[in-house]
Amino acid sequence: MQAPAPKRCKSDVVETVQGLLASVIPSEPSIVDELMKMHKLIELVDRRIDDVKAKGLEAGALQRSADMYRKKLNEMENRFCASK
């Protein structure tokens, strides 16, 4: 009997590990991950607003975006608190 080819063994191991990881680690980001991403996005937009204003330019569109992101973040946080 021949030993299995190394590539085939490696492929089987990779598939097994991926299957185990998929069962342990959720494929969708958690609500906490989404909240953190939204906080980071708001920080980036706020920094950009400061940069634009420092150049003497109008930042109305960026401010509206930041306000919209804050509103969405507030809704996400409310849903998170309600689910606990």
PDB file of N, CA and C in Angstrom:
ATOM      1  N   MET A   1       0.841  -1.181   0.000  1.00  0.00           N
ATOM      2  CA  MET A   1       0.000   0.000   0.000  1.00  0.00           C
ATOM      3  C   MET A   1       0.882   1.240   0.000  1.00  0.00           C
ATOM      4  N   GLN A   2       0.525   2.194  -0.834  1.00  0.00           N
ATOM      5  CA  GLN A   2       1.303   3.422  -0.945  1.00  0.00           C
ATOM      6  C   GLN A   2       0.869   4.434   0.099  1.00  0.00           C
ATOM      7  N   ALA A   3       1.832   5.230   0.537  1.00  0.00           N
ATOM      8  CA  ALA A   3       1.517   6.321   1.465  1.00  0.00           C
ATOM      9  C   ALA A   3       0.829   7.435   0.680  1.00  0.00           C
ATOM     10  N   PRO A   4      -0.111   8.129   1.309  1.00  0.00           N
ATOM     11  CA  PRO A   4      -0.785   9.220   0.604  1.00  0.00           C
ATOM     12  C   PRO A   4       0.213  10.313   0.230  1.00  0.00           C
ATOM     13  N   ALA A   5      -0.074  10.985  -0.854  1.00  0.00           N
ATOM     14  CA  ALA A   5       0.792  12.069  -1.319  1.00  0.00           C
ATOM     15  C   ALA A   5       0.809  13.184  -0.278  1.00  0.00           C
ATOM     16  N   PRO A   6       1.977  13.827  -0.081  1.00  0.00           N
ATOM     17  CA  PRO A   6       2.073  14.894   0.924  1.00  0.00           C
ATOM     18  C   PRO A   6       1.077  16.029   0.696  1.00  0.00           C
ATOM     19  N   LYS A   7       0.840  16.380  -0.570  1.00  0.00           N
ATOM     20  CA  LYS A   7      -0.105  17.463  -0.849  1.00  0.00           C
ATOM     21  C   LYS A   7      -1.513  17.079  -0.411  1.00  0.00           C
ATOM     22  N   ARG A   8      -1.856  15.825  -0.633  1.00  0.00           N
ATOM     23  CA  ARG A   8      -3.193  15.346  -0.256  1.00  0.00           C
ATOM     24  C   ARG A   8      -3.356  15.385   1.264  1.00  0.00           C
ATOM     25  N   CYS A   9      -2.337  14.957   2.002  1.00  0.00           N
ATOM     26  CA  CYS A   9      -2.384  14.986   3.466  1.00  0.00           C
ATOM     27  C   CYS A   9      -2.508  16.421   3.964  1.00  0.00           C
ATOM     28  N   LYS A  10      -1.726  17.296   3.363  1.00  0.00           N
ATOM     29  CA  LYS A  10      -1.764  18.702   3.768  1.00  0.00           C
ATOM     30  C   LYS A  10      -3.143  19.293   3.503  1.00  0.00           C
ATOM     31  N   SER A  11      -3.722  18.956   2.366  1.00  0.00           N
ATOM     32  CA  SER A  11      -5.051  19.435   2.016  1.00  0.00           C
ATOM     33  C   SER A  11      -6.090  18.936   3.020  1.00  0.00           C
ATOM     34  N   ASP A  12      -5.992  17.670   3.402  1.00  0.00           N
ATOM     35  CA  ASP A  12      -6.920  17.106   4.385  1.00  0.00           C
ATOM     36  C   ASP A  12      -6.786  17.806   5.736  1.00  0.00           C
ATOM     37  N   VAL A  13      -5.557  18.082   6.137  1.00  0.00           N
ATOM     38  CA  VAL A  13      -5.321  18.764   7.415  1.00  0.00           C
ATOM     39  C   VAL A  13      -5.903  20.174   7.373  1.00  0.00           C
ATOM     40  N   VAL A  14      -5.661  20.885   6.280  1.00  0.00           N
ATOM     41  CA  VAL A  14      -6.176  22.251   6.146  1.00  0.00           C
ATOM     42  C   VAL A  14      -7.698  22.249   6.207  1.00  0.00           C
ATOM     43  N   GLU A  15      -8.338  21.336   5.494  1.00  0.00           N
ATOM     44  CA  GLU A  15      -9.796  21.253   5.509  1.00  0.00           C
ATOM     45  C   GLU A  15     -10.321  20.949   6.910  1.00  0.00           C
ATOM     46  N   THR A  16      -9.661  20.065   7.614  1.00  0.00           N
ATOM     47  CA  THR A  16     -10.074  19.713   8.970  1.00  0.00           C
ATOM     48  C   THR A  16      -9.953  20.907   9.908  1.00  0.00           C
ATOM     49  N   VAL A  17      -8.825  21.608   9.834  1.00  0.00           N
ATOM     50  CA  VAL A  17      -8.613  22.777  10.697  1.00  0.00           C
ATOM     51  C   VAL A  17      -9.628  23.867  10.371  1.00  0.00           C
ATOM     52  N   GLN A  18      -9.876  24.111   9.098  1.00  0.00           N
ATOM     53  CA  GLN A  18     -10.860  25.122   8.720  1.00  0.00           C
ATOM     54  C   GLN A  18     -12.250  24.752   9.223  1.00  0.00           C
ATOM     55  N   GLY A  19     -12.590  23.485   9.153  1.00  0.00           N
ATOM     56  CA  GLY A  19     -13.877  23.035   9.666  1.00  0.00           C
ATOM     57  C   GLY A  19     -14.001  23.239  11.164  1.00  0.00           C
ATOM     58  N   LEU A  20     -12.931  22.935  11.888  1.00  0.00           N
ATOM     59  CA  LEU A  20     -12.937  23.145  13.342  1.00  0.00           C
ATOM     60  C   LEU A  20     -13.052  24.627  13.685  1.00  0.00           C
ATOM     61  N   LEU A  21     -12.296  25.461  12.981  1.00  0.00           N
ATOM     62  CA  LEU A  21     -12.357  26.900  13.243  1.00  0.00           C
ATOM     63  C   LEU A  21     -13.744  27.458  12.954  1.00  0.00           C
ATOM     64  N   ALA A  22     -14.359  27.003  11.875  1.00  0.00           N
ATOM     65  CA  ALA A  22     -15.689  27.487  11.519  1.00  0.00           C
ATOM     66  C   ALA A  22     -16.710  27.143  12.592  1.00  0.00           C
ATOM     67  N   SER A  23     -16.527  26.011  13.258  1.00  0.00           N
ATOM     68  CA  SER A  23     -17.476  25.626  14.296  1.00  0.00           C
ATOM     69  C   SER A  23     -17.229  26.360  15.610  1.00  0.00           C
ATOM     70  N   VAL A  24     -16.019  26.849  15.820  1.00  0.00           N
ATOM     71  CA  VAL A  24     -15.672  27.522  17.073  1.00  0.00           C
ATOM     72  C   VAL A  24     -15.800  29.038  16.958  1.00  0.00           C
ATOM     73  N   ILE A  25     -15.343  29.592  15.851  1.00  0.00           N
ATOM     74  CA  ILE A  25     -15.329  31.042  15.663  1.00  0.00           C
ATOM     75  C   ILE A  25     -16.456  31.410  14.706  1.00  0.00           C
ATOM     76  N   PRO A  26     -17.349  32.298  15.123  1.00  0.00           N
ATOM     77  CA  PRO A  26     -18.441  32.690  14.232  1.00  0.00           C
ATOM     78  C   PRO A  26     -17.900  33.432  13.010  1.00  0.00           C
ATOM     79  N   SER A  27     -18.520  33.189  11.858  1.00  0.00           N
ATOM     80  CA  SER A  27     -18.058  33.829  10.627  1.00  0.00           C
ATOM     81  C   SER A  27     -18.542  35.271  10.533  1.00  0.00           C
ATOM     82  N   GLU A  28     -19.617  35.597  11.222  1.00  0.00           N
ATOM     83  CA  GLU A  28     -20.130  36.963  11.199  1.00  0.00           C
ATOM     84  C   GLU A  28     -19.517  37.751  12.346  1.00  0.00           C
ATOM     85  N   PRO A  29     -19.225  39.026  12.095  1.00  0.00           N
ATOM     86  CA  PRO A  29     -18.676  39.843  13.180  1.00  0.00           C
ATOM     87  C   PRO A  29     -19.718  40.030  14.286  1.00  0.00           C
ATOM     88  N   SER A  30     -19.257  40.098  15.499  1.00  0.00           N
ATOM     89  CA  SER A  30     -20.177  40.280  16.619  1.00  0.00           C
ATOM     90  C   SER A  30     -20.637  41.727  16.675  1.00  0.00           C
ATOM     91  N   ILE A  31     -21.680  41.977  17.435  1.00  0.00           N
ATOM     92  CA  ILE A  31     -22.197  43.337  17.589  1.00  0.00           C
ATOM     93  C   ILE A  31     -21.137  44.232  18.220  1.00  0.00           C
ATOM     94  N   VAL A  32     -20.323  43.669  19.100  1.00  0.00           N
ATOM     95  CA  VAL A  32     -19.255  44.453  19.728  1.00  0.00           C
ATOM     96  C   VAL A  32     -18.244  44.890  18.672  1.00  0.00           C
ATOM     97  N   ASP A  33     -17.904  43.984  17.744  1.00  0.00           N
ATOM     98  CA  ASP A  33     -16.999  44.345  16.651  1.00  0.00           C
ATOM     99  C   ASP A  33     -17.585  45.474  15.809  1.00  0.00           C
ATOM    100  N   GLU A  34     -18.870  45.370  15.517  1.00  0.00           N
ATOM    101  CA  GLU A  34     -19.531  46.400  14.711  1.00  0.00           C
ATOM    102  C   GLU A  34     -19.553  47.742  15.446  1.00  0.00           C
ATOM    103  N   LEU A  35     -19.798  47.707  16.756  1.00  0.00           N
ATOM    104  CA  LEU A  35     -19.782  48.945  17.543  1.00  0.00           C
ATOM    105  C   LEU A  35     -18.398  49.585  17.526  1.00  0.00           C
ATOM    106  N   MET A  36     -17.368  48.768  17.668  1.00  0.00           N
ATOM    107  CA  MET A  36     -15.998  49.295  17.656  1.00  0.00           C
ATOM    108  C   MET A  36     -15.656  49.902  16.298  1.00  0.00           C
ATOM    109  N   LYS A  37     -16.074  49.257  15.225  1.00  0.00           N
ATOM    110  CA  LYS A  37     -15.822  49.792  13.886  1.00  0.00           C
ATOM    111  C   LYS A  37     -16.505  51.149  13.708  1.00  0.00           C
ATOM    112  N   MET A  38     -17.717  51.263  14.225  1.00  0.00           N
ATOM    113  CA  MET A  38     -18.447  52.528  14.086  1.00  0.00           C
ATOM    114  C   MET A  38     -17.767  53.625  14.894  1.00  0.00           C
ATOM    115  N   HIS A  39     -17.288  53.304  16.090  1.00  0.00           N
ATOM    116  CA  HIS A  39     -16.551  54.290  16.891  1.00  0.00           C
ATOM    117  C   HIS A  39     -15.303  54.758  16.144  1.00  0.00           C
ATOM    118  N   LYS A  40     -14.578  53.826  15.542  1.00  0.00           N
ATOM    119  CA  LYS A  40     -13.367  54.180  14.796  1.00  0.00           C
ATOM    120  C   LYS A  40     -13.703  55.047  13.589  1.00  0.00           C
ATOM    121  N   LEU A  41     -14.787  54.721  12.899  1.00  0.00           N
ATOM    122  CA  LEU A  41     -15.204  55.506  11.744  1.00  0.00           C
ATOM    123  C   LEU A  41     -15.524  56.939  12.156  1.00  0.00           C
ATOM    124  N   ILE A  42     -16.236  57.091  13.258  1.00  0.00           N
ATOM    125  CA  ILE A  42     -16.582  58.428  13.741  1.00  0.00           C
ATOM    126  C   ILE A  42     -15.324  59.203  14.104  1.00  0.00           C
ATOM    127  N   GLU A  43     -14.372  58.546  14.744  1.00  0.00           N
ATOM    128  CA  GLU A  43     -13.106  59.209  15.077  1.00  0.00           C
ATOM    129  C   GLU A  43     -12.386  59.686  13.822  1.00  0.00           C
ATOM    130  N   LEU A  44     -12.357  58.849  12.789  1.00  0.00           N
ATOM    131  CA  LEU A  44     -11.704  59.223  11.533  1.00  0.00           C
ATOM    132  C   LEU A  44     -12.387  60.422  10.881  1.00  0.00           C
ATOM    133  N   VAL A  45     -13.713  60.403  10.857  1.00  0.00           N
ATOM    134  CA  VAL A  45     -14.452  61.510  10.252  1.00  0.00           C
ATOM    135  C   VAL A  45     -14.232  62.788  11.054  1.00  0.00           C
ATOM    136  N   ASP A  46     -14.241  62.689  12.380  1.00  0.00           N
ATOM    137  CA  ASP A  46     -13.998  63.874  13.209  1.00  0.00           C
ATOM    138  C   ASP A  46     -12.613  64.462  12.948  1.00  0.00           C
ATOM    139  N   ARG A  47     -11.611  63.592  12.807  1.00  0.00           N
ATOM    140  CA  ARG A  47     -10.255  64.083  12.499  1.00  0.00           C
ATOM    141  C   ARG A  47     -10.219  64.757  11.136  1.00  0.00           C
ATOM    142  N   ARG A  48     -10.926  64.179  10.179  1.00  0.00           N
ATOM    143  CA  ARG A  48     -10.970  64.761   8.830  1.00  0.00           C
ATOM    144  C   ARG A  48     -11.671  66.116   8.859  1.00  0.00           C
ATOM    145  N   ILE A  49     -12.731  66.228   9.643  1.00  0.00           N
ATOM    146  CA  ILE A  49     -13.430  67.510   9.787  1.00  0.00           C
ATOM    147  C   ILE A  49     -12.467  68.557  10.330  1.00  0.00           C
ATOM    148  N   ASP A  50     -11.717  68.197  11.360  1.00  0.00           N
ATOM    149  CA  ASP A  50     -10.737  69.130  11.933  1.00  0.00           C
ATOM    150  C   ASP A  50      -9.697  69.546  10.898  1.00  0.00           C
ATOM    151  N   ASP A  51      -9.221  68.594  10.096  1.00  0.00           N
ATOM    152  CA  ASP A  51      -8.230  68.897   9.059  1.00  0.00           C
ATOM    153  C   ASP A  51      -8.793  69.859   8.016  1.00  0.00           C
ATOM    154  N   VAL A  52     -10.020  69.599   7.581  1.00  0.00           N
ATOM    155  CA  VAL A  52     -10.650  70.439   6.564  1.00  0.00           C
ATOM    156  C   VAL A  52     -10.872  71.849   7.105  1.00  0.00           C
ATOM    157  N   LYS A  53     -11.365  71.947   8.337  1.00  0.00           N
ATOM    158  CA  LYS A  53     -11.596  73.264   8.940  1.00  0.00           C
ATOM    159  C   LYS A  53     -10.288  74.017   9.147  1.00  0.00           C
ATOM    160  N   ALA A  54      -9.213  73.296   9.482  1.00  0.00           N
ATOM    161  CA  ALA A  54      -7.907  73.932   9.672  1.00  0.00           C
ATOM    162  C   ALA A  54      -7.406  74.555   8.370  1.00  0.00           C
ATOM    163  N   LYS A  55      -7.836  74.014   7.245  1.00  0.00           N
ATOM    164  CA  LYS A  55      -7.455  74.565   5.942  1.00  0.00           C
ATOM    165  C   LYS A  55      -8.380  75.701   5.518  1.00  0.00           C
ATOM    166  N   GLY A  56      -9.359  76.008   6.368  1.00  0.00           N
ATOM    167  CA  GLY A  56     -10.292  77.089   6.068  1.00  0.00           C
ATOM    168  C   GLY A  56     -11.395  76.700   5.101  1.00  0.00           C
ATOM    169  N   LEU A  57     -11.633  75.418   4.955  1.00  0.00           N
ATOM    170  CA  LEU A  57     -12.661  74.936   4.036  1.00  0.00           C
ATOM    171  C   LEU A  57     -13.925  74.546   4.795  1.00  0.00           C
ATOM    172  N   GLU A  58     -15.010  74.421   4.049  1.00  0.00           N
ATOM    173  CA  GLU A  58     -16.302  74.042   4.614  1.00  0.00           C
ATOM    174  C   GLU A  58     -16.362  72.522   4.793  1.00  0.00           C
ATOM    175  N   ALA A  59     -16.849  72.066   5.936  1.00  0.00           N
ATOM    176  CA  ALA A  59     -16.920  70.629   6.232  1.00  0.00           C
ATOM    177  C   ALA A  59     -18.350  70.186   6.497  1.00  0.00           C
ATOM    178  N   GLY A  60     -19.308  70.857   5.858  1.00  0.00           N
ATOM    179  CA  GLY A  60     -20.718  70.547   6.093  1.00  0.00           C
ATOM    180  C   GLY A  60     -21.095  69.115   5.748  1.00  0.00           C
ATOM    181  N   ALA A  61     -20.625  68.641   4.605  1.00  0.00           N
ATOM    182  CA  ALA A  61     -20.957  67.272   4.190  1.00  0.00           C
ATOM    183  C   ALA A  61     -20.363  66.255   5.156  1.00  0.00           C
ATOM    184  N   LEU A  62     -19.128  66.502   5.577  1.00  0.00           N
ATOM    185  CA  LEU A  62     -18.504  65.593   6.547  1.00  0.00           C
ATOM    186  C   LEU A  62     -19.241  65.628   7.880  1.00  0.00           C
ATOM    187  N   GLN A  63     -19.685  66.810   8.283  1.00  0.00           N
ATOM    188  CA  GLN A  63     -20.406  66.932   9.552  1.00  0.00           C
ATOM    189  C   GLN A  63     -21.725  66.173   9.496  1.00  0.00           C
ATOM    190  N   ARG A  64     -22.416  66.269   8.350  1.00  0.00           N
ATOM    191  CA  ARG A  64     -23.673  65.517   8.201  1.00  0.00           C
ATOM    192  C   ARG A  64     -23.411  64.014   8.271  1.00  0.00           C
ATOM    193  N   SER A  65     -22.316  63.576   7.661  1.00  0.00           N
ATOM    194  CA  SER A  65     -21.958  62.154   7.726  1.00  0.00           C
ATOM    195  C   SER A  65     -21.671  61.733   9.162  1.00  0.00           C
ATOM    196  N   ALA A  66     -20.911  62.556   9.879  1.00  0.00           N
ATOM    197  CA  ALA A  66     -20.588  62.240  11.276  1.00  0.00           C
ATOM    198  C   ALA A  66     -21.861  62.160  12.110  1.00  0.00           C
ATOM    199  N   ASP A  67     -22.783  63.088  11.880  1.00  0.00           N
ATOM    200  CA  ASP A  67     -24.050  63.069  12.619  1.00  0.00           C
ATOM    201  C   ASP A  67     -24.845  61.798  12.313  1.00  0.00           C
ATOM    202  N   MET A  68     -24.852  61.407  11.032  1.00  0.00           N
ATOM    203  CA  MET A  68     -25.560  60.191  10.639  1.00  0.00           C
ATOM    204  C   MET A  68     -24.921  58.964  11.294  1.00  0.00           C
ATOM    205  N   TYR A  69     -23.581  58.908  11.325  1.00  0.00           N
ATOM    206  CA  TYR A  69     -22.885  57.785  11.953  1.00  0.00           C
ATOM    207  C   TYR A  69     -23.161  57.741  13.453  1.00  0.00           C
ATOM    208  N   ARG A  70     -23.212  58.902  14.099  1.00  0.00           N
ATOM    209  CA  ARG A  70     -23.516  58.938  15.539  1.00  0.00           C
ATOM    210  C   ARG A  70     -24.931  58.432  15.814  1.00  0.00           C
ATOM    211  N   LYS A  71     -25.864  58.816  14.949  1.00  0.00           N
ATOM    212  CA  LYS A  71     -27.245  58.351  15.105  1.00  0.00           C
ATOM    213  C   LYS A  71     -27.301  56.828  14.949  1.00  0.00           C
ATOM    214  N   LYS A  72     -26.618  56.312  13.932  1.00  0.00           N
ATOM    215  CA  LYS A  72     -26.595  54.858  13.714  1.00  0.00           C
ATOM    216  C   LYS A  72     -25.928  54.152  14.888  1.00  0.00           C
ATOM    217  N   LEU A  73     -24.840  54.719  15.405  1.00  0.00           N
ATOM    218  CA  LEU A  73     -24.155  54.139  16.558  1.00  0.00           C
ATOM    219  C   LEU A  73     -25.088  54.094  17.765  1.00  0.00           C
ATOM    220  N   ASN A  74     -25.823  55.164  17.983  1.00  0.00           N
ATOM    221  CA  ASN A  74     -26.767  55.214  19.099  1.00  0.00           C
ATOM    222  C   ASN A  74     -27.821  54.111  18.960  1.00  0.00           C
ATOM    223  N   GLU A  75     -28.332  53.919  17.744  1.00  0.00           N
ATOM    224  CA  GLU A  75     -29.318  52.860  17.507  1.00  0.00           C
ATOM    225  C   GLU A  75     -28.709  51.479  17.759  1.00  0.00           C
ATOM    226  N   MET A  76     -27.473  51.287  17.301  1.00  0.00           N
ATOM    227  CA  MET A  76     -26.793  50.003  17.507  1.00  0.00           C
ATOM    228  C   MET A  76     -26.573  49.736  18.991  1.00  0.00           C
ATOM    229  N   GLU A  77     -26.158  50.766  19.735  1.00  0.00           N
ATOM    230  CA  GLU A  77     -25.932  50.604  21.172  1.00  0.00           C
ATOM    231  C   GLU A  77     -27.231  50.299  21.898  1.00  0.00           C
ATOM    232  N   ASN A  78     -28.328  50.945  21.486  1.00  0.00           N
ATOM    233  CA  ASN A  78     -29.628  50.669  22.099  1.00  0.00           C
ATOM    234  C   ASN A  78     -30.056  49.224  21.853  1.00  0.00           C
ATOM    235  N   ARG A  79     -29.855  48.728  20.619  1.00  0.00           N
ATOM    236  CA  ARG A  79     -30.185  47.331  20.311  1.00  0.00           C
ATOM    237  C   ARG A  79     -29.326  46.376  21.126  1.00  0.00           C
ATOM    238  N   PHE A  80     -28.048  46.726  21.276  1.00  0.00           N
ATOM    239  CA  PHE A  80     -27.133  45.887  22.044  1.00  0.00           C
ATOM    240  C   PHE A  80     -27.574  45.818  23.503  1.00  0.00           C
ATOM    241  N   CYS A  81     -27.914  46.963  24.083  1.00  0.00           N
ATOM    242  CA  CYS A  81     -28.348  46.998  25.489  1.00  0.00           C
ATOM    243  C   CYS A  81     -29.674  46.257  25.671  1.00  0.00           C
ATOM    244  N   ALA A  82     -30.562  46.370  24.691  1.00  0.00           N
ATOM    245  CA  ALA A  82     -31.858  45.695  24.784  1.00  0.00           C
ATOM    246  C   ALA A  82     -31.706  44.177  24.690  1.00  0.00           C
ATOM    247  N   SER A  83     -30.669  43.725  23.995  1.00  0.00           N
ATOM    248  CA  SER A  83     -30.477  42.278  23.837  1.00  0.00           C
ATOM    249  C   SER A  83     -29.837  41.639  25.059  1.00  0.00           C
ATOM    250  N   LYS A  84     -29.319  42.431  25.969  1.00  0.00           N
ATOM    251  CA  LYS A  84     -28.645  41.900  27.164  1.00  0.00           C
ATOM    252  C   LYS A  84     -29.618  41.686  28.277  1.00  0.00           C
TER     253      LYS A  84
END
